[in-house]
C-alpha cells in the first residue's frame, strides 16, 4: 500500500499534468511490454510492436523490470519536458552520485549486464547509448500510436479538470480509479510494497499515463518532487484489430452509424473537451468540429456550454450509453479491466 500524507497546504497544490510525459510513457510501456496481464488493452500492441523493436531495447529492459524497483533518474521530475529530446537531455544530466545510488539499489534485486557499471560511473558513452536507446524505442514502439496516446490523455485531463470544478480537490483525488482511496488526510493507493510519501507542503502532480498498468505508481525516493502516475481509460481497440471480429466490428459499427469523424468526436466528449482540444485530437479544423457538434447536439447525444469565449462539449446520458454499448461490444472500458 502507498500512503500519501497531505497537509492543508498540499490540498491547494494538487496539479493535473498538462499532457503526456515522454519518459514515463517509455518506461511504463517497456515494463508493460514484459508483462502478460492487460491483454484486452495491450495485447494487440504487444503483438504489433515486438517484431519492430530496435536492438537497443536490450539496454532498456534490464533497467526497467516488469515488477519491483526501477531507477527514478529515468523519469526526472525537473527540467523541460516539452519534447523527448529535452526530457532525455535532463535525464542525461543526472549527477553521478545519484546514478550510482539508484543503480546499486537495482543491482541489489537482480543481476545487471556489465555495461551498467559504466553507466553508474557517469560514463558519457554509456549515457549517450542510453539516450539513443530511448529515442529509438520511442520512434519504433510509441510514435506510430502517439496521436492516440495524446488524445486519450487529453480526454483524461478533461475528466480530472471537470472533477476539480464540480467537487474540488477532494473529488479529484477520490476519482482516480478503483485502486485509489481518499481518506483525509491520506490518499491510499494499491501498491506492491508499503511506502509512505509525506508531501509536507510540496503538493502533488497527477500524471496520467497511457501505458501505466494496472495500478498507479510513483517515485521510490520521497525526497524528489512528488508525482502520482495513474492509468487511464483507453479508446476501444486503440492498437488496431486484435484478431477478434467482434472487437473490430464493434468499433466500426458506431463509425458507420455516425460517420468516422462524428463518432470520434462523440468519443472525445465522453469526458468533455473544448473545440480546440477536439480539433487537436481529431486533426480537423475548428469549424469542422462546430459543424459536427451541431449534428450531435440535434441528435441529443452531446451538449455544449459556452463560457469566457470557449465552447466545452460533453456527451449526454444518451451519448454515453451509446459509447458504453460500443465498449461492451469491443471488450474494452473500465468494467472489463482485469484486476492485478
C-alpha atoms as a PDB file:
ATOM      1  CA  UNK A   1       0.000   0.000   0.000  1.00  0.00           C
ATOM      2  CA  UNK A   2       1.219   3.501  -0.880  1.00  0.00           C
ATOM      3  CA  UNK A   3       0.060   6.111   1.619  1.00  0.00           C
ATOM      4  CA  UNK A   4       0.364   9.757   0.580  1.00  0.00           C
ATOM      5  CA  UNK A   5       0.124  12.161   3.525  1.00  0.00           C
ATOM      6  CA  UNK A   6      -1.478  15.555   2.806  1.00  0.00           C
ATOM      7  CA  UNK A   7      -1.297  18.760   4.807  1.00  0.00           C
ATOM      8  CA  UNK A   8      -3.870  21.567   4.359  1.00  0.00           C
ATOM      9  CA  UNK A   9      -1.288  23.385   2.243  1.00  0.00           C
ATOM     10  CA  UNK A  10      -0.899  20.365  -0.031  1.00  0.00           C
ATOM     11  CA  UNK A  11      -4.615  20.415  -0.795  1.00  0.00           C
ATOM     12  CA  UNK A  12      -4.099  23.747  -2.570  1.00  0.00           C
ATOM     13  CA  UNK A  13      -1.100  22.456  -4.523  1.00  0.00           C
ATOM     14  CA  UNK A  14      -2.513  19.465  -6.373  1.00  0.00           C
ATOM     15  CA  UNK A  15      -1.864  19.870 -10.101  1.00  0.00           C
ATOM     16  CA  UNK A  16      -3.042  17.910 -13.146  1.00  0.00           C
ATOM     17  CA  UNK A  17      -0.160  17.463 -15.605  1.00  0.00           C
ATOM     18  CA  UNK A  18      -0.783  19.270 -18.913  1.00  0.00           C
ATOM     19  CA  UNK A  19      -0.052  16.310 -21.177  1.00  0.00           C
ATOM     20  CA  UNK A  20       1.938  13.105 -21.694  1.00  0.00           C
ATOM     21  CA  UNK A  21       5.356  12.724 -20.116  1.00  0.00           C
ATOM     22  CA  UNK A  22       7.616  11.161 -22.756  1.00  0.00           C
ATOM     23  CA  UNK A  23       9.860   9.296 -20.336  1.00  0.00           C
ATOM     24  CA  UNK A  24       7.041   7.979 -18.156  1.00  0.00           C
ATOM     25  CA  UNK A  25       5.350   6.617 -21.305  1.00  0.00           C
ATOM     26  CA  UNK A  26       8.584   4.961 -22.433  1.00  0.00           C
ATOM     27  CA  UNK A  27       9.386   3.438 -19.043  1.00  0.00           C
ATOM     28  CA  UNK A  28       5.820   2.281 -18.349  1.00  0.00           C
ATOM     29  CA  UNK A  29       5.492   0.783 -21.828  1.00  0.00           C
ATOM     30  CA  UNK A  30       8.807  -1.101 -21.577  1.00  0.00           C
ATOM     31  CA  UNK A  31       7.544  -2.628 -18.327  1.00  0.00           C
ATOM     32  CA  UNK A  32       4.059  -3.333 -19.735  1.00  0.00           C
ATOM     33  CA  UNK A  33       5.644  -4.997 -22.763  1.00  0.00           C
ATOM     34  CA  UNK A  34       7.350  -7.521 -20.478  1.00  0.00           C
ATOM     35  CA  UNK A  35       4.118  -8.395 -18.652  1.00  0.00           C
ATOM     36  CA  UNK A  36       1.303 -10.710 -19.700  1.00  0.00           C
ATOM     37  CA  UNK A  37      -1.672  -9.073 -17.957  1.00  0.00           C
ATOM     38  CA  UNK A  38      -3.821  -6.378 -19.541  1.00  0.00           C
ATOM     39  CA  UNK A  39      -4.316  -8.476 -22.676  1.00  0.00           C
ATOM     40  CA  UNK A  40      -7.535  -6.729 -23.708  1.00  0.00           C
ATOM     41  CA  UNK A  41      -5.909  -3.308 -23.592  1.00  0.00           C
ATOM     42  CA  UNK A  42      -2.309  -4.017 -24.640  1.00  0.00           C
ATOM     43  CA  UNK A  43      -2.370  -7.431 -26.330  1.00  0.00           C
ATOM     44  CA  UNK A  44      -2.692  -6.115 -29.910  1.00  0.00           C
ATOM     45  CA  UNK A  45       0.030  -3.536 -29.303  1.00  0.00           C
ATOM     46  CA  UNK A  46       2.403  -6.125 -27.851  1.00  0.00           C
ATOM     47  CA  UNK A  47       1.964  -8.373 -30.875  1.00  0.00           C
ATOM     48  CA  UNK A  48       2.408  -5.446 -33.248  1.00  0.00           C
ATOM     49  CA  UNK A  49       5.477  -3.943 -31.577  1.00  0.00           C
ATOM     50  CA  UNK A  50       7.633  -6.962 -30.684  1.00  0.00           C
ATOM     51  CA  UNK A  51       8.904  -7.697 -34.207  1.00  0.00           C
ATOM     52  CA  UNK A  52       9.557  -3.973 -34.732  1.00  0.00           C
ATOM     53  CA  UNK A  53      11.629  -3.264 -31.625  1.00  0.00           C
ATOM     54  CA  UNK A  54      15.154  -1.912 -32.239  1.00  0.00           C
ATOM     55  CA  UNK A  55      18.168  -3.813 -30.960  1.00  0.00           C
ATOM     56  CA  UNK A  56      18.744  -1.041 -28.432  1.00  0.00           C
ATOM     57  CA  UNK A  57      15.755  -2.356 -26.463  1.00  0.00           C
ATOM     58  CA  UNK A  58      18.223  -4.679 -24.747  1.00  0.00           C
ATOM     59  CA  UNK A  59      19.608  -1.608 -22.970  1.00  0.00           C
ATOM     60  CA  UNK A  60      16.204  -0.675 -21.547  1.00  0.00           C
ATOM     61  CA  UNK A  61      14.723  -3.946 -20.300  1.00  0.00           C
ATOM     62  CA  UNK A  62      17.373  -4.615 -17.597  1.00  0.00           C
ATOM     63  CA  UNK A  63      16.824  -1.118 -16.189  1.00  0.00           C
ATOM     64  CA  UNK A  64      13.029  -1.423 -16.298  1.00  0.00           C
ATOM     65  CA  UNK A  65      11.948  -4.839 -14.987  1.00  0.00           C
ATOM     66  CA  UNK A  66       8.217  -5.592 -15.167  1.00  0.00           C
ATOM     67  CA  UNK A  67       7.969  -5.814 -11.371  1.00  0.00           C
ATOM     68  CA  UNK A  68       9.857  -4.253  -8.497  1.00  0.00           C
ATOM     69  CA  UNK A  69      12.218  -1.316  -8.279  1.00  0.00           C
ATOM     70  CA  UNK A  70      13.320   0.757 -11.274  1.00  0.00           C
ATOM     71  CA  UNK A  71      15.597   3.833 -11.077  1.00  0.00           C
ATOM     72  CA  UNK A  72      13.970   7.222 -10.575  1.00  0.00           C
ATOM     73  CA  UNK A  73      16.535   9.024 -12.751  1.00  0.00           C
ATOM     74  CA  UNK A  74      14.865   7.538 -15.847  1.00  0.00           C
ATOM     75  CA  UNK A  75      11.789   9.727 -15.164  1.00  0.00           C
ATOM     76  CA  UNK A  76      13.151  13.108 -13.984  1.00  0.00           C
ATOM     77  CA  UNK A  77      10.687  15.437 -12.304  1.00  0.00           C
ATOM     78  CA  UNK A  78      12.544  18.649 -13.162  1.00  0.00           C
ATOM     79  CA  UNK A  79      13.631  20.325 -16.395  1.00  0.00           C
ATOM     80  CA  UNK A  80      11.873  20.969 -19.694  1.00  0.00           C
ATOM     81  CA  UNK A  81       9.690  18.041 -20.784  1.00  0.00           C
ATOM     82  CA  UNK A  82       8.049  19.671 -23.814  1.00  0.00           C
ATOM     83  CA  UNK A  83       9.926  17.407 -26.235  1.00  0.00           C
ATOM     84  CA  UNK A  84      11.513  13.983 -25.973  1.00  0.00           C
ATOM     85  CA  UNK A  85      14.945  15.463 -26.644  1.00  0.00           C
ATOM     86  CA  UNK A  86      14.753  17.960 -23.779  1.00  0.00           C
ATOM     87  CA  UNK A  87      13.482  15.233 -21.433  1.00  0.00           C
ATOM     88  CA  UNK A  88      16.340  12.927 -22.451  1.00  0.00           C
ATOM     89  CA  UNK A  89      18.850  15.759 -22.006  1.00  0.00           C
ATOM     90  CA  UNK A  90      17.569  16.282 -18.460  1.00  0.00           C
ATOM     91  CA  UNK A  91      17.929  12.572 -17.738  1.00  0.00           C
ATOM     92  CA  UNK A  92      21.463  12.522 -19.165  1.00  0.00           C
ATOM     93  CA  UNK A  93      22.396  15.326 -16.756  1.00  0.00           C
ATOM     94  CA  UNK A  94      21.714  13.171 -13.673  1.00  0.00           C
ATOM     95  CA  UNK A  95      24.532  13.628 -11.103  1.00  0.00           C
ATOM     96  CA  UNK A  96      26.960  10.697 -10.868  1.00  0.00           C
ATOM     97  CA  UNK A  97      26.224  10.141  -7.169  1.00  0.00           C
ATOM     98  CA  UNK A  98      22.549   9.638  -7.874  1.00  0.00           C
ATOM     99  CA  UNK A  99      23.294   7.271 -10.784  1.00  0.00           C
ATOM    100  CA  UNK A 100      25.448   5.134  -8.511  1.00  0.00           C
ATOM    101  CA  UNK A 101      22.920   5.084  -5.679  1.00  0.00           C
ATOM    102  CA  UNK A 102      19.899   4.150  -7.782  1.00  0.00           C
ATOM    103  CA  UNK A 103      21.678   1.576  -9.941  1.00  0.00           C
ATOM    104  CA  UNK A 104      23.083  -0.031  -6.791  1.00  0.00           C
ATOM    105  CA  UNK A 105      19.511  -0.380  -5.498  1.00  0.00           C
ATOM    106  CA  UNK A 106      18.503  -2.020  -8.749  1.00  0.00           C
ATOM    107  CA  UNK A 107      21.528  -4.365  -8.657  1.00  0.00           C
ATOM    108  CA  UNK A 108      20.552  -5.496  -5.154  1.00  0.00           C
ATOM    109  CA  UNK A 109      17.422  -7.195  -6.540  1.00  0.00           C
ATOM    110  CA  UNK A 110      18.611  -8.553  -9.901  1.00  0.00           C
ATOM    111  CA  UNK A 111      21.693  -9.282 -11.969  1.00  0.00           C
ATOM    112  CA  UNK A 112      22.583  -6.457 -14.360  1.00  0.00           C
ATOM    113  CA  UNK A 113      24.681  -6.508 -17.546  1.00  0.00           C
ATOM    114  CA  UNK A 114      28.311  -5.366 -17.308  1.00  0.00           C
ATOM    115  CA  UNK A 115      27.738  -2.096 -19.191  1.00  0.00           C
ATOM    116  CA  UNK A 116      25.609  -0.774 -16.297  1.00  0.00           C
ATOM    117  CA  UNK A 117      28.853  -0.289 -14.321  1.00  0.00           C
ATOM    118  CA  UNK A 118      29.936   2.354 -16.857  1.00  0.00           C
ATOM    119  CA  UNK A 119      26.504   3.963 -16.646  1.00  0.00           C
ATOM    120  CA  UNK A 120      26.757   4.133 -12.839  1.00  0.00           C
ATOM    121  CA  UNK A 121      30.132   5.857 -13.214  1.00  0.00           C
ATOM    122  CA  UNK A 122      28.547   8.537 -15.373  1.00  0.00           C
ATOM    123  CA  UNK A 123      30.475   7.435 -18.456  1.00  0.00           C
ATOM    124  CA  UNK A 124      29.451   9.750 -21.281  1.00  0.00           C
ATOM    125  CA  UNK A 125      29.462   6.985 -23.909  1.00  0.00           C
ATOM    126  CA  UNK A 126      27.179   4.781 -21.784  1.00  0.00           C
ATOM    127  CA  UNK A 127      24.818   7.700 -21.114  1.00  0.00           C
ATOM    128  CA  UNK A 128      24.667   8.598 -24.809  1.00  0.00           C
ATOM    129  CA  UNK A 129      23.897   4.971 -25.695  1.00  0.00           C
ATOM    130  CA  UNK A 130      21.026   5.041 -23.212  1.00  0.00           C
ATOM    131  CA  UNK A 131      19.739   8.282 -24.708  1.00  0.00           C
ATOM    132  CA  UNK A 132      19.849   6.793 -28.203  1.00  0.00           C
ATOM    133  CA  UNK A 133      18.026   3.686 -26.979  1.00  0.00           C
ATOM    134  CA  UNK A 134      15.221   5.829 -25.552  1.00  0.00           C
ATOM    135  CA  UNK A 135      14.869   7.794 -28.790  1.00  0.00           C
ATOM    136  CA  UNK A 136      14.917   4.642 -30.954  1.00  0.00           C
ATOM    137  CA  UNK A 137      12.310   2.943 -28.770  1.00  0.00           C
ATOM    138  CA  UNK A 138      10.030   5.983 -28.880  1.00  0.00           C
ATOM    139  CA  UNK A 139      10.287   6.111 -32.686  1.00  0.00           C
ATOM    140  CA  UNK A 140       9.555   2.421 -33.241  1.00  0.00           C
ATOM    141  CA  UNK A 141       7.190   1.474 -30.421  1.00  0.00           C
ATOM    142  CA  UNK A 142       5.256   4.615 -29.489  1.00  0.00           C
ATOM    143  CA  UNK A 143       5.386   7.237 -32.236  1.00  0.00           C
ATOM    144  CA  UNK A 144       3.015   5.359 -34.603  1.00  0.00           C
ATOM    145  CA  UNK A 145       0.391   5.441 -31.821  1.00  0.00           C
ATOM    146  CA  UNK A 146       1.277   8.846 -30.342  1.00  0.00           C
ATOM    147  CA  UNK A 147      -1.799  10.680 -31.638  1.00  0.00           C
ATOM    148  CA  UNK A 148      -3.999   8.114 -29.854  1.00  0.00           C
ATOM    149  CA  UNK A 149      -1.866   8.356 -26.706  1.00  0.00           C
ATOM    150  CA  UNK A 150      -2.216  12.130 -26.688  1.00  0.00           C
ATOM    151  CA  UNK A 151      -5.950  12.033 -27.436  1.00  0.00           C
ATOM    152  CA  UNK A 152      -6.755   9.613 -24.608  1.00  0.00           C
ATOM    153  CA  UNK A 153      -4.586  11.573 -22.169  1.00  0.00           C
ATOM    154  CA  UNK A 154      -6.272  14.828 -23.140  1.00  0.00           C
ATOM    155  CA  UNK A 155      -9.653  13.177 -22.547  1.00  0.00           C
ATOM    156  CA  UNK A 156      -8.471  12.052 -19.107  1.00  0.00           C
ATOM    157  CA  UNK A 157      -7.234  15.551 -18.296  1.00  0.00           C
ATOM    158  CA  UNK A 158     -10.614  16.987 -19.242  1.00  0.00           C
ATOM    159  CA  UNK A 159     -12.252  14.491 -16.866  1.00  0.00           C
ATOM    160  CA  UNK A 160      -9.896  15.427 -13.996  1.00  0.00           C
ATOM    161  CA  UNK A 161     -10.474  19.142 -14.501  1.00  0.00           C
ATOM    162  CA  UNK A 162     -14.224  18.604 -14.538  1.00  0.00           C
ATOM    163  CA  UNK A 163     -13.971  16.650 -11.262  1.00  0.00           C
ATOM    164  CA  UNK A 164     -11.975  19.526  -9.815  1.00  0.00           C
ATOM    165  CA  UNK A 165     -14.510  22.124 -10.962  1.00  0.00           C
ATOM    166  CA  UNK A 166     -17.518  20.128  -9.754  1.00  0.00           C
ATOM    167  CA  UNK A 167     -16.240  18.840  -6.420  1.00  0.00           C
ATOM    168  CA  UNK A 168     -12.896  20.460  -5.631  1.00  0.00           C
ATOM    169  CA  UNK A 169      -9.626  18.750  -4.791  1.00  0.00           C
ATOM    170  CA  UNK A 170     -11.280  16.006  -2.736  1.00  0.00           C
ATOM    171  CA  UNK A 171     -13.428  14.947  -5.712  1.00  0.00           C
ATOM    172  CA  UNK A 172     -10.332  14.965  -7.913  1.00  0.00           C
ATOM    173  CA  UNK A 173      -8.380  12.750  -5.509  1.00  0.00           C
ATOM    174  CA  UNK A 174     -11.346  10.462  -4.908  1.00  0.00           C
ATOM    175  CA  UNK A 175     -12.000   9.940  -8.615  1.00  0.00           C
ATOM    176  CA  UNK A 176      -8.658   8.469  -9.680  1.00  0.00           C
ATOM    177  CA  UNK A 177      -9.942   4.922 -10.006  1.00  0.00           C
ATOM    178  CA  UNK A 178     -10.671   1.763  -8.044  1.00  0.00           C
ATOM    179  CA  UNK A 179      -7.102   1.435  -6.753  1.00  0.00           C
ATOM    180  CA  UNK A 180      -7.062   4.895  -5.142  1.00  0.00           C
ATOM    181  CA  UNK A 181      -8.985   5.804  -1.976  1.00  0.00           C
ATOM    182  CA  UNK A 182      -9.153   9.258  -0.422  1.00  0.00           C
ATOM    183  CA  UNK A 183      -9.359   9.024   3.372  1.00  0.00           C
ATOM    184  CA  UNK A 184      -8.401  12.501   4.586  1.00  0.00           C
ATOM    185  CA  UNK A 185      -5.638  13.333   5.120  1.00  0.00           C
ATOM    186  CA  UNK A 186      -4.385  10.136   3.418  1.00  0.00           C
ATOM    187  CA  UNK A 187      -4.528   9.093  -0.205  1.00  0.00           C
ATOM    188  CA  UNK A 188      -4.221   5.287  -0.178  1.00  0.00           C
ATOM    189  CA  UNK A 189      -3.091   3.589  -3.366  1.00  0.00           C
ATOM    190  CA  UNK A 190      -2.917  -0.132  -4.167  1.00  0.00           C
ATOM    191  CA  UNK A 191       0.830  -0.766  -4.411  1.00  0.00           C
ATOM    192  CA  UNK A 192       3.152  -3.791  -4.463  1.00  0.00           C
ATOM    193  CA  UNK A 193       5.187  -2.547  -1.476  1.00  0.00           C
ATOM    194  CA  UNK A 194       4.496  -0.486   1.632  1.00  0.00           C
ATOM    195  CA  UNK A 195       5.589   3.094   1.041  1.00  0.00           C
ATOM    196  CA  UNK A 196       4.907   6.350   2.840  1.00  0.00           C
ATOM    197  CA  UNK A 197       5.032   9.631   0.890  1.00  0.00           C
ATOM    198  CA  UNK A 198       4.841  12.779   3.004  1.00  0.00           C
ATOM    199  CA  UNK A 199       4.118  15.807   0.865  1.00  0.00           C
ATOM    200  CA  UNK A 200       5.000  18.371   3.571  1.00  0.00           C
ATOM    201  CA  UNK A 201       3.566  21.298   1.633  1.00  0.00           C
ATOM    202  CA  UNK A 202       5.168  20.401  -1.709  1.00  0.00           C
ATOM    203  CA  UNK A 203       1.868  19.464  -3.350  1.00  0.00           C
ATOM    204  CA  UNK A 204       1.315  16.611  -5.792  1.00  0.00           C
ATOM    205  CA  UNK A 205       1.348  16.319  -9.585  1.00  0.00           C
ATOM    206  CA  UNK A 206      -1.196  13.893 -11.049  1.00  0.00           C
ATOM    207  CA  UNK A 207       0.384  12.487 -14.207  1.00  0.00           C
ATOM    208  CA  UNK A 208      -1.899  10.390 -16.387  1.00  0.00           C
ATOM    209  CA  UNK A 209      -0.057   7.684 -18.328  1.00  0.00           C
ATOM    210  CA  UNK A 210      -1.344   5.679 -21.285  1.00  0.00           C
ATOM    211  CA  UNK A 211       0.947   2.720 -20.533  1.00  0.00           C
ATOM    212  CA  UNK A 212       0.723   2.752 -16.733  1.00  0.00           C
ATOM    213  CA  UNK A 213      -0.772  -0.610 -15.736  1.00  0.00           C
ATOM    214  CA  UNK A 214      -2.542  -1.904 -13.755  1.00  0.00           C
ATOM    215  CA  UNK A 215      -2.229   0.399 -10.730  1.00  0.00           C
ATOM    216  CA  UNK A 216      -0.751   3.873 -10.133  1.00  0.00           C
ATOM    217  CA  UNK A 217       2.947   4.309  -9.469  1.00  0.00           C
ATOM    218  CA  UNK A 218       5.293   6.927  -8.042  1.00  0.00           C
ATOM    219  CA  UNK A 219       8.977   7.603  -7.489  1.00  0.00           C
ATOM    220  CA  UNK A 220      10.814   5.495  -4.938  1.00  0.00           C
ATOM    221  CA  UNK A 221      12.683   8.465  -3.450  1.00  0.00           C
ATOM    222  CA  UNK A 222      10.233  10.513  -1.382  1.00  0.00           C
ATOM    223  CA  UNK A 223      12.641  13.480  -1.370  1.00  0.00           C
ATOM    224  CA  UNK A 224      12.028  14.093  -5.078  1.00  0.00           C
ATOM    225  CA  UNK A 225       9.159  16.346  -6.226  1.00  0.00           C
ATOM    226  CA  UNK A 226       6.004  14.253  -5.591  1.00  0.00           C
ATOM    227  CA  UNK A 227       4.156  12.748  -8.528  1.00  0.00           C
ATOM    228  CA  UNK A 228       1.432  10.110  -8.788  1.00  0.00           C
ATOM    229  CA  UNK A 229       1.305   8.420 -12.198  1.00  0.00           C
ATOM    230  CA  UNK A 230      -2.062   6.780 -12.839  1.00  0.00           C
ATOM    231  CA  UNK A 231      -3.752   4.639 -15.542  1.00  0.00           C
ATOM    232  CA  UNK A 232      -6.458   5.978 -17.838  1.00  0.00           C
ATOM    233  CA  UNK A 233      -9.485   4.793 -19.804  1.00  0.00           C
ATOM    234  CA  UNK A 234      -8.345   3.588 -23.263  1.00  0.00           C
ATOM    235  CA  UNK A 235     -10.218   4.043 -26.506  1.00  0.00           C
ATOM    236  CA  UNK A 236     -11.590   0.693 -27.639  1.00  0.00           C
ATOM    237  CA  UNK A 237      -9.327  -1.273 -29.996  1.00  0.00           C
ATOM    238  CA  UNK A 238      -6.762   1.554 -29.984  1.00  0.00           C
ATOM    239  CA  UNK A 239      -3.935  -0.583 -31.391  1.00  0.00           C
ATOM    240  CA  UNK A 240      -5.971  -1.894 -34.322  1.00  0.00           C
ATOM    241  CA  UNK A 241      -7.803  -5.171 -34.911  1.00  0.00           C
ATOM    242  CA  UNK A 242      -6.683  -7.805 -32.444  1.00  0.00           C
ATOM    243  CA  UNK A 243      -7.785 -10.788 -34.481  1.00  0.00           C
ATOM    244  CA  UNK A 244     -11.305 -10.991 -33.000  1.00  0.00           C
ATOM    245  CA  UNK A 245     -14.080  -9.915 -35.338  1.00  0.00           C
ATOM    246  CA  UNK A 246     -16.303  -8.711 -32.530  1.00  0.00           C
ATOM    247  CA  UNK A 247     -13.877  -6.039 -31.367  1.00  0.00           C
ATOM    248  CA  UNK A 248     -13.110  -4.534 -34.777  1.00  0.00           C
ATOM    249  CA  UNK A 249     -16.737  -4.729 -35.946  1.00  0.00           C
ATOM    250  CA  UNK A 250     -17.934  -3.275 -32.643  1.00  0.00           C
ATOM    251  CA  UNK A 251     -15.864  -0.153 -33.104  1.00  0.00           C
ATOM    252  CA  UNK A 252     -16.677   0.163 -36.798  1.00  0.00           C
ATOM    253  CA  UNK A 253     -20.425  -0.026 -36.132  1.00  0.00           C
ATOM    254  CA  UNK A 254     -20.567   3.380 -34.430  1.00  0.00           C
ATOM    255  CA  UNK A 255     -18.485   4.921 -37.220  1.00  0.00           C
ATOM    256  CA  UNK A 256     -20.864   3.515 -39.832  1.00  0.00           C
ATOM    257  CA  UNK A 257     -23.813   4.909 -37.909  1.00  0.00           C
ATOM    258  CA  UNK A 258     -22.481   8.428 -37.324  1.00  0.00           C
ATOM    259  CA  UNK A 259     -19.568   8.769 -39.741  1.00  0.00           C
ATOM    260  CA  UNK A 260     -15.927   8.394 -38.692  1.00  0.00           C
ATOM    261  CA  UNK A 261     -15.267  11.989 -37.602  1.00  0.00           C
ATOM    262  CA  UNK A 262     -18.571  12.329 -35.779  1.00  0.00           C
ATOM    263  CA  UNK A 263     -18.042   9.015 -33.963  1.00  0.00           C
ATOM    264  CA  UNK A 264     -14.538  10.093 -32.915  1.00  0.00           C
ATOM    265  CA  UNK A 265     -15.930  13.414 -31.726  1.00  0.00           C
ATOM    266  CA  UNK A 266     -18.589  11.683 -29.621  1.00  0.00           C
ATOM    267  CA  UNK A 267     -15.850   9.513 -28.069  1.00  0.00           C
ATOM    268  CA  UNK A 268     -13.887  12.674 -27.277  1.00  0.00           C
ATOM    269  CA  UNK A 269     -16.896  14.198 -25.494  1.00  0.00           C
ATOM    270  CA  UNK A 270     -17.218  11.195 -23.170  1.00  0.00           C
ATOM    271  CA  UNK A 271     -15.220  13.100 -20.536  1.00  0.00           C
ATOM    272  CA  UNK A 272     -15.679  16.559 -22.039  1.00  0.00           C
ATOM    273  CA  UNK A 273     -13.472  18.591 -24.372  1.00  0.00           C
ATOM    274  CA  UNK A 274     -13.235  22.085 -25.790  1.00  0.00           C
ATOM    275  CA  UNK A 275     -13.412  22.872 -29.510  1.00  0.00           C
ATOM    276  CA  UNK A 276      -9.650  23.459 -29.526  1.00  0.00           C
ATOM    277  CA  UNK A 277      -8.945  20.126 -27.794  1.00  0.00           C
ATOM    278  CA  UNK A 278     -11.302  18.241 -30.121  1.00  0.00           C
ATOM    279  CA  UNK A 279      -9.723  19.794 -33.233  1.00  0.00           C
ATOM    280  CA  UNK A 280      -6.267  18.786 -31.994  1.00  0.00           C
ATOM    281  CA  UNK A 281      -7.334  15.232 -31.152  1.00  0.00           C
ATOM    282  CA  UNK A 282      -9.206  14.646 -34.413  1.00  0.00           C
ATOM    283  CA  UNK A 283      -6.797  16.701 -36.562  1.00  0.00           C
ATOM    284  CA  UNK A 284      -9.616  18.709 -38.138  1.00  0.00           C
ATOM    285  CA  UNK A 285     -10.411  22.422 -38.241  1.00  0.00           C
ATOM    286  CA  UNK A 286     -12.331  24.287 -35.550  1.00  0.00           C
ATOM    287  CA  UNK A 287     -15.251  24.977 -37.935  1.00  0.00           C
ATOM    288  CA  UNK A 288     -15.434  21.248 -38.725  1.00  0.00           C
ATOM    289  CA  UNK A 289     -15.738  20.460 -35.001  1.00  0.00           C
ATOM    290  CA  UNK A 290     -18.505  23.050 -34.643  1.00  0.00           C
ATOM    291  CA  UNK A 291     -20.375  21.633 -37.642  1.00  0.00           C
ATOM    292  CA  UNK A 292     -20.232  18.037 -36.411  1.00  0.00           C
ATOM    293  CA  UNK A 293     -21.136  19.104 -32.874  1.00  0.00           C
ATOM    294  CA  UNK A 294     -24.303  20.745 -34.150  1.00  0.00           C
ATOM    295  CA  UNK A 295     -25.384  17.363 -35.559  1.00  0.00           C
ATOM    296  CA  UNK A 296     -24.587  15.552 -32.295  1.00  0.00           C
ATOM    297  CA  UNK A 297     -26.495  18.172 -30.297  1.00  0.00           C
ATOM    298  CA  UNK A 298     -29.505  17.897 -32.610  1.00  0.00           C
ATOM    299  CA  UNK A 299     -29.481  14.120 -32.060  1.00  0.00           C
ATOM    300  CA  UNK A 300     -29.403  14.590 -28.287  1.00  0.00           C
ATOM    301  CA  UNK A 301     -26.001  12.897 -27.962  1.00  0.00           C
ATOM    302  CA  UNK A 302     -23.996  15.888 -26.704  1.00  0.00           C
ATOM    303  CA  UNK A 303     -24.382  19.348 -25.220  1.00  0.00           C
ATOM    304  CA  UNK A 304     -22.231  22.467 -25.434  1.00  0.00           C
ATOM    305  CA  UNK A 305     -21.570  25.006 -22.689  1.00  0.00           C
ATOM    306  CA  UNK A 306     -20.013  28.365 -23.561  1.00  0.00           C
ATOM    307  CA  UNK A 307     -18.092  30.483 -21.105  1.00  0.00           C
ATOM    308  CA  UNK A 308     -15.329  33.023 -21.444  1.00  0.00           C
ATOM    309  CA  UNK A 309     -15.315  32.687 -25.207  1.00  0.00           C
ATOM    310  CA  UNK A 310     -14.751  28.910 -25.049  1.00  0.00           C
ATOM    311  CA  UNK A 311     -17.100  26.109 -26.042  1.00  0.00           C
ATOM    312  CA  UNK A 312     -16.966  22.951 -23.899  1.00  0.00           C
ATOM    313  CA  UNK A 313     -18.638  19.825 -25.263  1.00  0.00           C
ATOM    314  CA  UNK A 314     -19.897  16.903 -23.167  1.00  0.00           C
ATOM    315  CA  UNK A 315     -21.740  13.716 -24.087  1.00  0.00           C
ATOM    316  CA  UNK A 316     -25.289  13.420 -22.762  1.00  0.00           C
ATOM    317  CA  UNK A 317     -26.631  10.339 -20.981  1.00  0.00           C
ATOM    318  CA  UNK A 318     -27.794   9.011 -24.368  1.00  0.00           C
ATOM    319  CA  UNK A 319     -24.369   9.652 -25.871  1.00  0.00           C
ATOM    320  CA  UNK A 320     -22.585   7.924 -23.005  1.00  0.00           C
ATOM    321  CA  UNK A 321     -24.967   4.966 -23.287  1.00  0.00           C
ATOM    322  CA  UNK A 322     -24.061   4.636 -26.976  1.00  0.00           C
ATOM    323  CA  UNK A 323     -20.349   4.680 -26.097  1.00  0.00           C
ATOM    324  CA  UNK A 324     -20.840   2.180 -23.268  1.00  0.00           C
ATOM    325  CA  UNK A 325     -22.541  -0.186 -25.709  1.00  0.00           C
ATOM    326  CA  UNK A 326     -19.548   0.165 -28.022  1.00  0.00           C
ATOM    327  CA  UNK A 327     -17.199  -0.648 -25.140  1.00  0.00           C
ATOM    328  CA  UNK A 328     -19.154  -3.795 -24.334  1.00  0.00           C
ATOM    329  CA  UNK A 329     -19.033  -4.969 -27.953  1.00  0.00           C
ATOM    330  CA  UNK A 330     -15.293  -4.284 -28.147  1.00  0.00           C
ATOM    331  CA  UNK A 331     -14.388  -5.801 -24.774  1.00  0.00           C
ATOM    332  CA  UNK A 332     -12.923  -2.521 -23.544  1.00  0.00           C
ATOM    333  CA  UNK A 333     -13.607   0.019 -20.832  1.00  0.00           C
ATOM    334  CA  UNK A 334     -13.279   0.174 -17.053  1.00  0.00           C
ATOM    335  CA  UNK A 335     -15.815  -2.589 -16.467  1.00  0.00           C
ATOM    336  CA  UNK A 336     -13.658  -5.103 -18.359  1.00  0.00           C
ATOM    337  CA  UNK A 337     -10.321  -4.162 -16.817  1.00  0.00           C
ATOM    338  CA  UNK A 338      -8.530  -7.167 -15.314  1.00  0.00           C
ATOM    339  CA  UNK A 339      -7.554  -6.935 -11.695  1.00  0.00           C
ATOM    340  CA  UNK A 340      -3.885  -7.315 -10.722  1.00  0.00           C
END
